[in-house]
Each structure stands twice: as C-alpha cells, then as structure tokens.
N, C-alpha and C. Protein backbone atom coordinates (compact mmCIF):
# COMPACT_ATOMS: atom_id res chain seq x y z
N MET A 1 0.83 -1.19 0.00
CA MET A 1 0.00 0.00 0.00
C MET A 1 0.88 1.25 0.00
N SER A 2 0.54 2.21 -0.84
CA SER A 2 1.31 3.45 -0.92
C SER A 2 1.09 4.27 0.35
N PRO A 3 2.12 5.01 0.79
CA PRO A 3 1.94 5.86 1.97
C PRO A 3 0.95 6.98 1.70
N VAL A 4 0.30 7.45 2.76
CA VAL A 4 -0.61 8.58 2.65
C VAL A 4 0.20 9.81 2.27
N ALA A 5 -0.28 10.56 1.29
CA ALA A 5 0.46 11.71 0.77
C ALA A 5 0.28 12.92 1.68
N ALA A 6 0.87 12.82 2.87
CA ALA A 6 0.79 13.89 3.86
C ALA A 6 2.07 13.88 4.68
N THR A 7 2.21 14.90 5.51
CA THR A 7 3.35 15.00 6.43
C THR A 7 2.83 15.01 7.85
N LEU A 8 3.39 14.14 8.69
CA LEU A 8 3.11 14.15 10.12
C LEU A 8 4.16 15.03 10.80
N LEU A 9 3.69 15.94 11.65
CA LEU A 9 4.57 16.88 12.34
C LEU A 9 4.30 16.81 13.83
N VAL A 10 5.35 16.72 14.63
CA VAL A 10 5.20 16.83 16.07
C VAL A 10 6.10 17.96 16.57
N LEU A 11 5.56 18.81 17.44
CA LEU A 11 6.35 19.82 18.12
C LEU A 11 6.81 19.24 19.44
N ALA A 12 8.12 19.23 19.65
CA ALA A 12 8.69 18.56 20.82
C ALA A 12 9.59 19.51 21.59
N LYS A 13 9.49 19.41 22.91
CA LYS A 13 10.35 20.15 23.82
C LYS A 13 11.27 19.16 24.51
N ALA A 14 12.57 19.45 24.53
CA ALA A 14 13.51 18.54 25.17
C ALA A 14 13.10 18.28 26.62
N PRO A 15 12.95 17.01 27.01
CA PRO A 15 12.51 16.70 28.37
C PRO A 15 13.64 16.82 29.40
N VAL A 16 13.94 18.08 29.72
CA VAL A 16 15.00 18.39 30.68
C VAL A 16 14.38 18.65 32.05
N ALA A 17 14.95 18.06 33.09
CA ALA A 17 14.42 18.24 34.44
C ALA A 17 14.35 19.72 34.81
N GLY A 18 13.21 20.12 35.33
CA GLY A 18 13.01 21.51 35.73
C GLY A 18 12.42 22.37 34.63
N PHE A 19 12.37 21.85 33.40
CA PHE A 19 11.84 22.61 32.27
C PHE A 19 10.68 21.90 31.57
N ALA A 20 10.55 20.60 31.78
CA ALA A 20 9.52 19.83 31.09
C ALA A 20 8.47 19.34 32.07
N LYS A 21 7.22 19.49 31.70
CA LYS A 21 6.08 18.99 32.47
C LYS A 21 6.15 19.43 33.94
N THR A 22 6.38 20.71 34.13
CA THR A 22 6.54 21.23 35.49
C THR A 22 5.24 21.18 36.30
N ARG A 23 4.10 21.08 35.62
CA ARG A 23 2.83 20.99 36.36
C ARG A 23 2.64 19.61 36.99
N LEU A 24 3.54 18.68 36.70
CA LEU A 24 3.50 17.37 37.36
C LEU A 24 4.23 17.38 38.70
N THR A 25 4.85 18.53 39.02
CA THR A 25 5.60 18.63 40.29
C THR A 25 4.94 19.68 41.19
N PRO A 26 4.51 19.27 42.38
CA PRO A 26 4.35 17.89 42.85
C PRO A 26 3.13 17.23 42.19
N PRO A 27 2.97 15.93 42.36
CA PRO A 27 3.64 15.04 43.30
C PRO A 27 4.97 14.49 42.82
N LEU A 28 5.30 14.63 41.53
CA LEU A 28 6.55 14.08 41.03
C LEU A 28 7.71 15.03 41.29
N THR A 29 8.93 14.49 41.27
CA THR A 29 10.12 15.31 41.30
C THR A 29 10.37 15.86 39.89
N PRO A 30 11.20 16.91 39.75
CA PRO A 30 11.50 17.41 38.40
C PRO A 30 12.06 16.35 37.47
N HIS A 31 12.93 15.45 37.98
CA HIS A 31 13.49 14.41 37.12
C HIS A 31 12.42 13.40 36.72
N GLU A 32 11.52 13.06 37.64
CA GLU A 32 10.44 12.13 37.29
C GLU A 32 9.52 12.75 36.24
N ALA A 33 9.21 14.03 36.40
CA ALA A 33 8.34 14.72 35.43
C ALA A 33 9.00 14.73 34.05
N ALA A 34 10.30 14.99 34.00
CA ALA A 34 11.00 15.00 32.71
C ALA A 34 11.05 13.61 32.10
N ARG A 35 11.17 12.59 32.93
CA ARG A 35 11.14 11.22 32.39
C ARG A 35 9.78 10.90 31.81
N ILE A 36 8.73 11.38 32.46
CA ILE A 36 7.38 11.19 31.92
C ILE A 36 7.28 11.86 30.56
N ALA A 37 7.80 13.09 30.45
CA ALA A 37 7.78 13.78 29.16
C ALA A 37 8.57 13.01 28.12
N ALA A 38 9.70 12.43 28.52
CA ALA A 38 10.54 11.70 27.58
C ALA A 38 9.84 10.46 27.04
N VAL A 39 9.23 9.67 27.93
CA VAL A 39 8.59 8.44 27.45
C VAL A 39 7.32 8.77 26.65
N SER A 40 6.66 9.88 27.00
CA SER A 40 5.52 10.32 26.19
C SER A 40 5.97 10.65 24.77
N LEU A 41 7.08 11.35 24.65
CA LEU A 41 7.62 11.67 23.33
C LEU A 41 8.04 10.41 22.60
N LEU A 42 8.69 9.48 23.29
CA LEU A 42 9.12 8.24 22.65
C LEU A 42 7.93 7.44 22.13
N ASP A 43 6.85 7.37 22.92
CA ASP A 43 5.66 6.66 22.45
C ASP A 43 5.06 7.36 21.22
N THR A 44 5.07 8.69 21.24
CA THR A 44 4.54 9.45 20.11
C THR A 44 5.38 9.21 18.86
N LEU A 45 6.69 9.23 19.00
CA LEU A 45 7.57 8.96 17.86
C LEU A 45 7.35 7.55 17.33
N ASP A 46 7.12 6.62 18.22
CA ASP A 46 6.88 5.24 17.79
C ASP A 46 5.59 5.15 16.98
N SER A 47 4.54 5.83 17.45
CA SER A 47 3.28 5.82 16.70
C SER A 47 3.45 6.48 15.34
N MET A 48 4.19 7.58 15.29
CA MET A 48 4.44 8.25 14.02
C MET A 48 5.20 7.34 13.06
N SER A 49 6.24 6.68 13.56
CA SER A 49 7.08 5.86 12.69
C SER A 49 6.31 4.68 12.12
N ARG A 50 5.27 4.23 12.84
CA ARG A 50 4.46 3.10 12.37
C ARG A 50 3.26 3.54 11.55
N SER A 51 3.16 4.85 11.30
CA SER A 51 2.08 5.37 10.46
C SER A 51 2.57 5.48 9.02
N PRO A 52 1.92 4.83 8.08
CA PRO A 52 2.37 4.86 6.68
C PRO A 52 2.02 6.19 6.01
N VAL A 53 2.70 7.22 6.45
CA VAL A 53 2.52 8.58 5.93
C VAL A 53 3.83 8.99 5.27
N ALA A 54 3.73 9.78 4.22
CA ALA A 54 4.90 10.02 3.36
C ALA A 54 6.09 10.63 4.09
N HIS A 55 5.84 11.62 4.97
CA HIS A 55 6.95 12.30 5.64
C HIS A 55 6.66 12.44 7.14
N HIS A 56 7.74 12.38 7.92
CA HIS A 56 7.64 12.51 9.38
C HIS A 56 8.64 13.58 9.82
N VAL A 57 8.13 14.65 10.42
CA VAL A 57 8.95 15.80 10.80
C VAL A 57 8.79 16.07 12.29
N VAL A 58 9.90 16.33 12.95
CA VAL A 58 9.90 16.73 14.36
C VAL A 58 10.53 18.11 14.47
N ALA A 59 9.76 19.07 15.01
CA ALA A 59 10.28 20.41 15.27
C ALA A 59 10.64 20.49 16.75
N CYS A 60 11.94 20.63 17.03
CA CYS A 60 12.43 20.52 18.41
C CYS A 60 12.88 21.87 18.96
N THR A 61 12.74 21.99 20.29
CA THR A 61 13.34 23.10 21.01
C THR A 61 13.94 22.55 22.30
N GLY A 62 15.00 23.21 22.79
CA GLY A 62 15.64 22.77 24.02
C GLY A 62 16.88 21.93 23.78
N ALA A 63 17.57 21.64 24.86
CA ALA A 63 18.85 20.93 24.80
C ALA A 63 18.62 19.43 24.91
N LEU A 64 18.51 18.76 23.78
CA LEU A 64 18.25 17.32 23.80
C LEU A 64 19.37 16.54 24.47
N ALA A 65 20.59 17.05 24.38
CA ALA A 65 21.72 16.35 25.00
C ALA A 65 21.60 16.30 26.52
N GLU A 66 20.84 17.24 27.10
CA GLU A 66 20.66 17.29 28.55
C GLU A 66 19.36 16.63 29.00
N ALA A 67 18.63 16.05 28.07
CA ALA A 67 17.31 15.51 28.36
C ALA A 67 17.40 14.15 29.06
N GLU A 68 16.34 13.79 29.74
CA GLU A 68 16.20 12.42 30.24
C GLU A 68 16.10 11.49 29.03
N TYR A 69 16.71 10.30 29.16
CA TYR A 69 16.72 9.32 28.07
C TYR A 69 17.27 9.92 26.77
N ALA A 70 18.31 10.73 26.92
CA ALA A 70 18.86 11.44 25.76
C ALA A 70 19.33 10.48 24.67
N ASP A 71 19.99 9.40 25.04
CA ASP A 71 20.50 8.46 24.04
C ASP A 71 19.37 7.78 23.28
N GLU A 72 18.34 7.36 24.02
CA GLU A 72 17.22 6.69 23.37
C GLU A 72 16.47 7.65 22.45
N LEU A 73 16.33 8.89 22.89
CA LEU A 73 15.67 9.89 22.05
C LEU A 73 16.48 10.16 20.78
N ALA A 74 17.80 10.23 20.93
CA ALA A 74 18.66 10.48 19.77
C ALA A 74 18.51 9.36 18.75
N ARG A 75 18.46 8.12 19.22
CA ARG A 75 18.30 7.00 18.30
C ARG A 75 16.94 7.06 17.60
N ALA A 76 15.89 7.37 18.36
CA ALA A 76 14.55 7.44 17.78
C ALA A 76 14.45 8.56 16.75
N LEU A 77 15.04 9.71 17.07
CA LEU A 77 14.95 10.86 16.16
C LEU A 77 15.77 10.65 14.90
N GLY A 78 16.67 9.67 14.91
CA GLY A 78 17.46 9.39 13.71
C GLY A 78 16.61 8.97 12.52
N ASP A 79 15.38 8.53 12.79
CA ASP A 79 14.49 8.09 11.72
C ASP A 79 13.57 9.20 11.23
N PHE A 80 13.76 10.43 11.75
CA PHE A 80 12.87 11.53 11.43
C PHE A 80 13.64 12.69 10.82
N GLU A 81 12.92 13.52 10.08
CA GLU A 81 13.46 14.81 9.68
C GLU A 81 13.30 15.76 10.86
N VAL A 82 14.39 16.25 11.39
CA VAL A 82 14.35 17.10 12.59
C VAL A 82 14.71 18.53 12.19
N VAL A 83 13.84 19.46 12.59
CA VAL A 83 14.08 20.88 12.32
C VAL A 83 13.99 21.63 13.64
N PRO A 84 14.72 22.74 13.78
CA PRO A 84 14.60 23.53 15.01
C PRO A 84 13.33 24.35 15.00
N GLN A 85 12.75 24.54 16.18
CA GLN A 85 11.63 25.47 16.29
C GLN A 85 12.16 26.89 16.16
N ARG A 86 11.41 27.72 15.45
CA ARG A 86 11.84 29.10 15.20
C ARG A 86 10.75 30.06 15.66
N GLY A 87 11.16 31.11 16.39
CA GLY A 87 10.21 32.12 16.83
C GLY A 87 10.23 32.30 18.32
N GLY A 88 9.65 33.40 18.78
CA GLY A 88 9.63 33.71 20.20
C GLY A 88 8.47 33.06 20.91
N SER A 89 7.23 33.40 20.53
CA SER A 89 6.05 32.83 21.18
C SER A 89 5.77 31.44 20.64
N PHE A 90 4.93 30.71 21.37
CA PHE A 90 4.56 29.38 20.89
C PHE A 90 3.81 29.47 19.58
N GLY A 91 2.96 30.50 19.44
CA GLY A 91 2.23 30.66 18.18
C GLY A 91 3.16 30.86 17.00
N GLU A 92 4.23 31.62 17.20
CA GLU A 92 5.20 31.83 16.13
C GLU A 92 5.92 30.53 15.79
N ARG A 93 6.31 29.78 16.82
CA ARG A 93 6.99 28.51 16.57
C ARG A 93 6.07 27.52 15.86
N LEU A 94 4.80 27.56 16.23
CA LEU A 94 3.81 26.70 15.60
C LEU A 94 3.68 27.01 14.11
N ALA A 95 3.52 28.29 13.80
CA ALA A 95 3.36 28.69 12.40
C ALA A 95 4.61 28.35 11.59
N ASN A 96 5.78 28.61 12.15
CA ASN A 96 7.02 28.33 11.43
C ASN A 96 7.24 26.83 11.24
N ALA A 97 6.84 26.03 12.23
CA ALA A 97 6.97 24.58 12.10
C ALA A 97 6.09 24.06 10.97
N HIS A 98 4.88 24.60 10.85
CA HIS A 98 4.01 24.19 9.75
C HIS A 98 4.62 24.59 8.41
N ALA A 99 5.21 25.78 8.35
CA ALA A 99 5.85 26.22 7.10
C ALA A 99 7.01 25.30 6.74
N ASP A 100 7.82 24.91 7.73
CA ASP A 100 8.95 24.01 7.47
C ASP A 100 8.46 22.64 7.00
N ALA A 101 7.44 22.11 7.68
CA ALA A 101 6.94 20.78 7.34
C ALA A 101 6.27 20.78 5.97
N ALA A 102 5.68 21.92 5.58
CA ALA A 102 4.95 21.99 4.31
C ALA A 102 5.88 22.12 3.12
N ARG A 103 7.18 22.19 3.34
CA ARG A 103 8.12 22.28 2.21
C ARG A 103 8.06 21.05 1.32
N HIS A 104 7.51 19.96 1.84
CA HIS A 104 7.35 18.76 1.02
C HIS A 104 6.18 18.91 0.04
N GLY A 105 5.40 19.99 0.19
CA GLY A 105 4.29 20.22 -0.73
C GLY A 105 3.06 19.39 -0.44
N LEU A 106 2.93 18.88 0.78
CA LEU A 106 1.82 18.02 1.15
C LEU A 106 1.08 18.60 2.36
N PRO A 107 -0.18 18.23 2.56
CA PRO A 107 -0.90 18.65 3.77
C PRO A 107 -0.15 18.18 5.02
N VAL A 108 -0.31 18.94 6.10
CA VAL A 108 0.43 18.66 7.34
C VAL A 108 -0.55 18.38 8.48
N LEU A 109 -0.35 17.25 9.14
CA LEU A 109 -1.08 16.91 10.37
C LEU A 109 -0.12 17.04 11.53
N GLN A 110 -0.39 17.99 12.42
CA GLN A 110 0.49 18.25 13.54
C GLN A 110 -0.11 17.74 14.85
N ILE A 111 0.73 17.11 15.66
CA ILE A 111 0.31 16.65 16.98
C ILE A 111 1.33 17.15 18.00
N GLY A 112 0.96 17.01 19.28
CA GLY A 112 1.89 17.35 20.34
C GLY A 112 2.60 16.10 20.84
N MET A 113 3.37 16.26 21.91
CA MET A 113 4.13 15.13 22.46
C MET A 113 3.51 14.62 23.76
N ASP A 114 2.28 15.07 24.08
CA ASP A 114 1.70 14.68 25.36
C ASP A 114 0.37 13.95 25.20
N THR A 115 0.22 13.22 24.10
CA THR A 115 -0.93 12.31 23.93
C THR A 115 -0.40 10.94 23.52
N PRO A 116 0.34 10.27 24.42
CA PRO A 116 0.99 9.01 24.05
C PRO A 116 0.01 7.87 23.82
N GLN A 117 -1.26 8.07 24.19
CA GLN A 117 -2.27 7.01 24.00
C GLN A 117 -2.73 6.90 22.55
N ILE A 118 -2.37 7.86 21.71
CA ILE A 118 -2.84 7.86 20.32
C ILE A 118 -1.89 7.03 19.46
N GLY A 119 -2.41 5.99 18.89
CA GLY A 119 -1.58 5.06 18.14
C GLY A 119 -1.54 5.36 16.65
N PRO A 120 -0.84 4.54 15.90
CA PRO A 120 -0.66 4.77 14.46
C PRO A 120 -1.96 4.68 13.67
N ASP A 121 -2.92 3.88 14.13
CA ASP A 121 -4.17 3.76 13.38
C ASP A 121 -4.91 5.10 13.34
N VAL A 122 -4.97 5.78 14.49
CA VAL A 122 -5.66 7.07 14.55
C VAL A 122 -4.91 8.10 13.71
N LEU A 123 -3.60 8.14 13.81
CA LEU A 123 -2.82 9.11 13.05
C LEU A 123 -2.97 8.87 11.55
N THR A 124 -2.92 7.62 11.14
CA THR A 124 -3.04 7.31 9.71
C THR A 124 -4.42 7.68 9.20
N TRP A 125 -5.45 7.34 9.96
CA TRP A 125 -6.82 7.69 9.56
C TRP A 125 -6.98 9.21 9.43
N ALA A 126 -6.46 9.97 10.42
CA ALA A 126 -6.58 11.42 10.39
C ALA A 126 -5.83 12.01 9.19
N ALA A 127 -4.64 11.50 8.91
CA ALA A 127 -3.87 11.98 7.76
C ALA A 127 -4.60 11.70 6.46
N ARG A 128 -5.21 10.53 6.39
CA ARG A 128 -5.95 10.19 5.17
C ARG A 128 -7.18 11.09 5.00
N GLU A 129 -7.86 11.39 6.11
CA GLU A 129 -9.00 12.31 6.05
C GLU A 129 -8.56 13.69 5.58
N LEU A 130 -7.42 14.15 6.06
CA LEU A 130 -6.89 15.45 5.66
C LEU A 130 -6.66 15.50 4.16
N VAL A 131 -6.11 14.43 3.62
CA VAL A 131 -5.81 14.39 2.18
C VAL A 131 -7.08 14.29 1.36
N LEU A 132 -8.00 13.43 1.77
CA LEU A 132 -9.19 13.16 0.97
C LEU A 132 -10.18 14.31 1.00
N ARG A 133 -10.34 14.94 2.18
CA ARG A 133 -11.37 15.97 2.34
C ARG A 133 -10.89 17.35 1.93
N GLY A 134 -9.62 17.65 2.19
CA GLY A 134 -9.11 18.97 1.86
C GLY A 134 -9.52 20.06 2.82
N ASP A 135 -10.16 19.69 3.94
CA ASP A 135 -10.55 20.65 4.97
C ASP A 135 -9.51 20.67 6.08
N ALA A 136 -9.56 21.71 6.92
CA ALA A 136 -8.73 21.72 8.12
C ALA A 136 -9.31 20.73 9.13
N LEU A 137 -8.44 20.16 9.94
CA LEU A 137 -8.85 19.22 10.99
C LEU A 137 -8.41 19.76 12.33
N LEU A 138 -9.26 19.61 13.34
CA LEU A 138 -8.92 20.03 14.69
C LEU A 138 -9.35 18.95 15.66
N GLY A 139 -8.39 18.47 16.46
CA GLY A 139 -8.68 17.46 17.45
C GLY A 139 -8.82 18.08 18.82
N PRO A 140 -10.03 18.20 19.35
CA PRO A 140 -10.21 18.86 20.64
C PRO A 140 -9.65 18.04 21.80
N ALA A 141 -9.13 18.75 22.80
CA ALA A 141 -8.64 18.12 24.03
C ALA A 141 -9.61 18.43 25.16
N ASP A 142 -9.58 17.60 26.17
CA ASP A 142 -10.53 17.73 27.28
C ASP A 142 -10.39 19.06 28.02
N ASP A 143 -9.20 19.66 27.97
CA ASP A 143 -8.97 20.89 28.73
C ASP A 143 -9.33 22.16 27.96
N GLY A 144 -9.94 22.00 26.79
CA GLY A 144 -10.32 23.16 26.00
C GLY A 144 -9.31 23.51 24.93
N GLY A 145 -8.18 22.83 24.92
CA GLY A 145 -7.17 23.04 23.88
C GLY A 145 -7.40 22.08 22.72
N TRP A 146 -6.31 21.69 22.06
CA TRP A 146 -6.41 20.71 20.99
C TRP A 146 -5.15 19.86 20.96
N TRP A 147 -5.32 18.63 20.48
CA TRP A 147 -4.21 17.69 20.42
C TRP A 147 -3.68 17.51 19.01
N ALA A 148 -4.47 17.92 18.01
CA ALA A 148 -4.05 17.75 16.62
C ALA A 148 -4.59 18.89 15.78
N LEU A 149 -3.80 19.27 14.78
CA LEU A 149 -4.19 20.32 13.84
C LEU A 149 -3.76 19.88 12.44
N GLY A 150 -4.71 19.75 11.55
CA GLY A 150 -4.40 19.38 10.18
C GLY A 150 -4.70 20.53 9.25
N LEU A 151 -3.74 20.90 8.42
CA LEU A 151 -3.90 22.01 7.50
C LEU A 151 -3.55 21.58 6.08
N PRO A 152 -4.45 21.85 5.11
CA PRO A 152 -4.13 21.50 3.72
C PRO A 152 -3.01 22.34 3.15
N THR A 153 -2.84 23.58 3.63
CA THR A 153 -1.74 24.46 3.24
C THR A 153 -1.26 25.19 4.49
N PRO A 154 -0.02 25.67 4.52
CA PRO A 154 0.52 26.26 5.75
C PRO A 154 0.11 27.70 6.02
N GLN A 155 -0.52 28.36 5.04
CA GLN A 155 -0.79 29.79 5.22
C GLN A 155 -1.67 30.07 6.44
N ALA A 156 -2.65 29.20 6.68
CA ALA A 156 -3.57 29.43 7.79
C ALA A 156 -2.87 29.38 9.14
N ALA A 157 -1.74 28.70 9.22
CA ALA A 157 -1.02 28.61 10.49
C ALA A 157 -0.53 29.97 10.96
N ARG A 158 -0.35 30.92 10.03
CA ARG A 158 0.11 32.25 10.43
C ARG A 158 -0.92 32.94 11.32
N THR A 159 -2.20 32.61 11.14
CA THR A 159 -3.23 33.25 11.96
C THR A 159 -3.17 32.79 13.40
N LEU A 160 -2.48 31.67 13.67
CA LEU A 160 -2.42 31.14 15.03
C LEU A 160 -1.43 31.89 15.91
N VAL A 161 -0.62 32.77 15.30
CA VAL A 161 0.35 33.54 16.07
C VAL A 161 -0.34 34.34 17.16
N ASP A 162 -1.55 34.82 16.89
CA ASP A 162 -2.27 35.66 17.84
C ASP A 162 -3.29 34.91 18.68
N VAL A 163 -3.32 33.58 18.55
CA VAL A 163 -4.26 32.79 19.36
C VAL A 163 -3.61 32.46 20.70
N PRO A 164 -4.23 32.82 21.82
CA PRO A 164 -3.66 32.45 23.13
C PRO A 164 -3.61 30.93 23.28
N MET A 165 -2.45 30.41 23.64
CA MET A 165 -2.30 28.98 23.82
C MET A 165 -2.39 28.60 25.30
N SER A 166 -2.66 27.35 25.56
CA SER A 166 -2.72 26.80 26.92
C SER A 166 -3.81 27.47 27.76
N THR A 167 -4.95 27.74 27.15
CA THR A 167 -6.11 28.24 27.88
C THR A 167 -7.29 27.31 27.61
N ASP A 168 -8.37 27.48 28.38
CA ASP A 168 -9.53 26.63 28.16
C ASP A 168 -10.35 27.07 26.95
N ARG A 169 -9.90 28.11 26.24
CA ARG A 169 -10.57 28.56 25.02
C ARG A 169 -9.67 28.42 23.78
N THR A 170 -8.52 27.81 23.94
CA THR A 170 -7.59 27.71 22.81
C THR A 170 -8.21 26.96 21.63
N GLY A 171 -8.92 25.87 21.90
CA GLY A 171 -9.54 25.13 20.81
C GLY A 171 -10.58 25.95 20.08
N GLU A 172 -11.44 26.63 20.84
CA GLU A 172 -12.47 27.49 20.24
C GLU A 172 -11.86 28.60 19.41
N LEU A 173 -10.84 29.27 19.96
CA LEU A 173 -10.21 30.39 19.26
C LEU A 173 -9.43 29.92 18.03
N THR A 174 -8.83 28.75 18.12
CA THR A 174 -8.13 28.19 16.95
C THR A 174 -9.12 27.90 15.83
N ARG A 175 -10.25 27.29 16.18
CA ARG A 175 -11.28 27.02 15.18
C ARG A 175 -11.75 28.31 14.52
N ASN A 176 -11.99 29.35 15.33
CA ASN A 176 -12.44 30.63 14.77
C ASN A 176 -11.39 31.22 13.82
N ALA A 177 -10.11 31.11 14.19
CA ALA A 177 -9.04 31.64 13.34
C ALA A 177 -9.01 30.92 12.00
N LEU A 178 -9.22 29.61 12.02
CA LEU A 178 -9.22 28.84 10.77
C LEU A 178 -10.44 29.18 9.92
N LEU A 179 -11.59 29.38 10.57
CA LEU A 179 -12.80 29.75 9.83
C LEU A 179 -12.63 31.11 9.16
N HIS A 180 -11.91 32.01 9.82
CA HIS A 180 -11.67 33.33 9.23
C HIS A 180 -10.75 33.25 8.01
N CYS A 181 -10.06 32.12 7.85
CA CYS A 181 -9.24 31.89 6.66
C CYS A 181 -10.04 31.21 5.55
N ASN A 182 -11.35 31.17 5.76
CA ASN A 182 -12.25 30.55 4.77
C ASN A 182 -12.01 29.05 4.61
N LEU A 183 -11.56 28.43 5.70
CA LEU A 183 -11.40 26.99 5.70
C LEU A 183 -12.60 26.33 6.39
N ARG A 184 -13.01 25.21 5.87
CA ARG A 184 -13.95 24.37 6.61
C ARG A 184 -13.13 23.61 7.64
N VAL A 185 -13.69 23.47 8.85
CA VAL A 185 -12.97 22.81 9.94
C VAL A 185 -13.76 21.59 10.39
N ARG A 186 -13.14 20.44 10.28
CA ARG A 186 -13.76 19.20 10.72
C ARG A 186 -13.09 18.75 12.01
N SER A 187 -13.91 18.16 12.90
CA SER A 187 -13.41 17.75 14.21
C SER A 187 -12.93 16.30 14.19
N LEU A 188 -11.80 16.09 14.84
CA LEU A 188 -11.30 14.75 15.11
C LEU A 188 -11.83 14.30 16.47
N PRO A 189 -11.68 13.03 16.83
CA PRO A 189 -12.12 12.59 18.16
C PRO A 189 -11.42 13.36 19.27
N ARG A 190 -12.12 13.48 20.40
CA ARG A 190 -11.58 14.19 21.56
C ARG A 190 -10.67 13.26 22.37
N TYR A 191 -9.54 13.80 22.80
CA TYR A 191 -8.63 13.06 23.67
C TYR A 191 -8.15 13.97 24.80
N ASN A 192 -7.66 13.35 25.85
CA ASN A 192 -7.05 14.10 26.95
C ASN A 192 -5.55 14.15 26.73
N ASP A 193 -4.94 15.30 27.00
CA ASP A 193 -3.48 15.38 26.98
C ASP A 193 -2.97 15.52 28.40
N VAL A 194 -1.67 15.40 28.58
CA VAL A 194 -1.09 15.30 29.92
C VAL A 194 -0.58 16.66 30.38
N ASP A 195 -1.31 17.26 31.31
CA ASP A 195 -0.85 18.48 31.96
C ASP A 195 -0.60 18.25 33.44
N THR A 196 -1.51 17.51 34.10
CA THR A 196 -1.42 17.26 35.52
C THR A 196 -1.22 15.76 35.77
N PHE A 197 -0.94 15.41 37.02
CA PHE A 197 -0.76 14.00 37.33
C PHE A 197 -2.07 13.23 37.19
N ALA A 198 -3.20 13.90 37.47
CA ALA A 198 -4.50 13.26 37.25
C ALA A 198 -4.68 12.94 35.77
N ASP A 199 -4.27 13.86 34.90
CA ASP A 199 -4.31 13.58 33.45
C ASP A 199 -3.44 12.38 33.13
N ALA A 200 -2.26 12.33 33.72
CA ALA A 200 -1.32 11.24 33.42
C ALA A 200 -1.92 9.89 33.80
N LEU A 201 -2.61 9.85 34.94
CA LEU A 201 -3.24 8.59 35.35
C LEU A 201 -4.32 8.18 34.36
N GLN A 202 -5.12 9.14 33.91
CA GLN A 202 -6.18 8.82 32.95
C GLN A 202 -5.60 8.34 31.63
N VAL A 203 -4.59 9.05 31.12
CA VAL A 203 -3.99 8.67 29.84
C VAL A 203 -3.32 7.31 29.94
N ALA A 204 -2.66 7.05 31.07
CA ALA A 204 -2.00 5.75 31.25
C ALA A 204 -3.00 4.61 31.21
N ALA A 205 -4.21 4.86 31.70
CA ALA A 205 -5.24 3.82 31.69
C ALA A 205 -5.73 3.52 30.28
N GLU A 206 -5.43 4.42 29.33
CA GLU A 206 -5.90 4.27 27.96
C GLU A 206 -4.77 3.84 27.01
N SER A 207 -3.59 3.55 27.55
CA SER A 207 -2.46 3.22 26.68
C SER A 207 -1.67 2.08 27.29
N ASP A 208 -0.71 1.57 26.52
CA ASP A 208 0.05 0.41 26.99
C ASP A 208 1.53 0.49 26.63
N GLY A 209 2.03 1.69 26.38
CA GLY A 209 3.43 1.85 26.00
C GLY A 209 4.31 2.21 27.17
N ARG A 210 5.44 2.84 26.87
CA ARG A 210 6.40 3.24 27.90
C ARG A 210 5.76 4.17 28.92
N PHE A 211 4.94 5.10 28.41
CA PHE A 211 4.31 6.07 29.29
C PHE A 211 3.46 5.37 30.35
N ALA A 212 2.60 4.47 29.92
CA ALA A 212 1.72 3.77 30.86
C ALA A 212 2.53 2.98 31.88
N ARG A 213 3.58 2.29 31.42
CA ARG A 213 4.39 1.50 32.34
C ARG A 213 5.06 2.38 33.39
N MET A 214 5.56 3.54 32.98
CA MET A 214 6.23 4.41 33.95
C MET A 214 5.25 5.00 34.96
N ILE A 215 4.07 5.42 34.49
CA ILE A 215 3.07 5.97 35.40
C ILE A 215 2.66 4.92 36.42
N HIS A 216 2.44 3.70 35.98
CA HIS A 216 2.05 2.64 36.91
C HIS A 216 3.17 2.37 37.93
N GLN A 217 4.42 2.40 37.48
CA GLN A 217 5.54 2.21 38.40
C GLN A 217 5.61 3.32 39.44
N LEU A 218 5.45 4.56 38.99
CA LEU A 218 5.50 5.69 39.92
C LEU A 218 4.33 5.65 40.90
N ARG A 219 3.18 5.26 40.42
CA ARG A 219 2.01 5.18 41.31
C ARG A 219 2.20 4.10 42.35
N ARG A 220 2.72 2.94 41.95
CA ARG A 220 2.97 1.87 42.91
C ARG A 220 4.02 2.30 43.93
N ALA A 221 5.06 2.98 43.48
CA ALA A 221 6.09 3.45 44.41
C ALA A 221 5.53 4.45 45.40
N SER A 222 4.63 5.32 44.93
CA SER A 222 4.03 6.31 45.81
C SER A 222 3.15 5.65 46.85
N LEU A 223 2.35 4.66 46.42
CA LEU A 223 1.48 3.98 47.36
C LEU A 223 2.29 3.19 48.40
N ALA A 224 3.45 2.67 47.97
CA ALA A 224 4.27 1.86 48.88
C ALA A 224 4.89 2.70 49.99
N THR A 225 5.04 3.99 49.76
CA THR A 225 5.69 4.85 50.77
C THR A 225 4.69 5.50 51.71
N ARG A 226 3.40 5.28 51.51
CA ARG A 226 2.39 5.87 52.40
C ARG A 226 2.34 5.17 53.74
C-alpha cells in the first residue's frame, strides 16, 4: 500500500528536568516529570514511525543532550526529519513549524508530544481524512485546547500567532481563526493530553506503552511509601 500523501509533524520540547512537564511537580520530582515527558515523546515517535505517511517531521526546542533518556531519544529521532523550532512565542513557533513541514508540498497533520495514547491507526486515519477531504482538521482536548491540527496548506497557520495557547478557550479560538481563513474545519475525536498527574493517570489507563508502564511504576512506588 502506498503511503498517505501527507506530512506528520510533532512539536517537541527537550525533556530536561526543571523545564519539562513542570505541572506534574508535585507530586513528582522534576526528574520524574522530565522522564514522563521523555517516554511520552518516545511513544509518540513510535506511533508516528508506524504510520504509513509520506513524511515525518519533528520540530524541536531545548537541549536534547541534557534531556532524560537522551540516548534513546537520539536513536529514535534518527528516523525523522528534525528541524529547530523558530520564533519567540509558541504561536510563532507553531506557524514556522508548519511552514517548514509543508516544504514537502503536502498537507500537514500536527500533533503534540503529550498524547501518548494515540496510536498509528488514529494518526493514519486522520492523515488520510486530511488528504481526501481537503478541509482543516482540529482534534479537541478535554482541557479546552487541541491535540491535533491538520492544514491542507501552511498559510492558515500564520493566523495562530495571535491565538492564546494553553487556555480553556484555545480550541475554540483556533477554530475561529481557521474559519476566518475561509477553511472548513472538521473535528477529530476528543482526547485528553497530559498536563497534571490526574491527566497522566487517565492517559496511562488508555495506553500500553512506555508512558503507561512508567506511570504505573510511579504510582505503585508512591502507594508503597504511604
């Protein structure tokens, strides 16, 4: 079967202790929180690599050499096209990452690194929908944000520079920005992403990769010390 004529893009932040997933501390230590971020990214990369999509791009920021599981991440990223994130605000980095990924001339489906429960079947289906329908795709998250953004062309991503990120209205405002670009916006299934430890427990219950195993280990260790 021929690969889906699209590009999968993930925006990734180096999982460095004290800089990654800080809302998990407490109850986790900074190193534990960064390890959670690392295994979440590794699970995401694994799902991407098993998705039969034409191109796989990772836009990175931060010092990967200082990250938890740095060697394993370096090996995993060897199978991807890696580009640096460019810009000051997250909206600017988002828009520039879409522009970089769109250099292949194909629609771009972008995901984050904190939904490790999403496997290759969902990613492949979403990429195929993006190609076949030609509409924008938005995957709502339980916290009011979004976990996936599919764009047939990168121009609309420029409008996201002014959309406030990490709020309970980010998904709504992103949809409005895309509609103002005269795009039809279709919704993907809703998923939870990992911001808090309660989120991590819920996501771990829905997945079976490295992320789930680490969360279960940390939870058992916590219960054992009570």
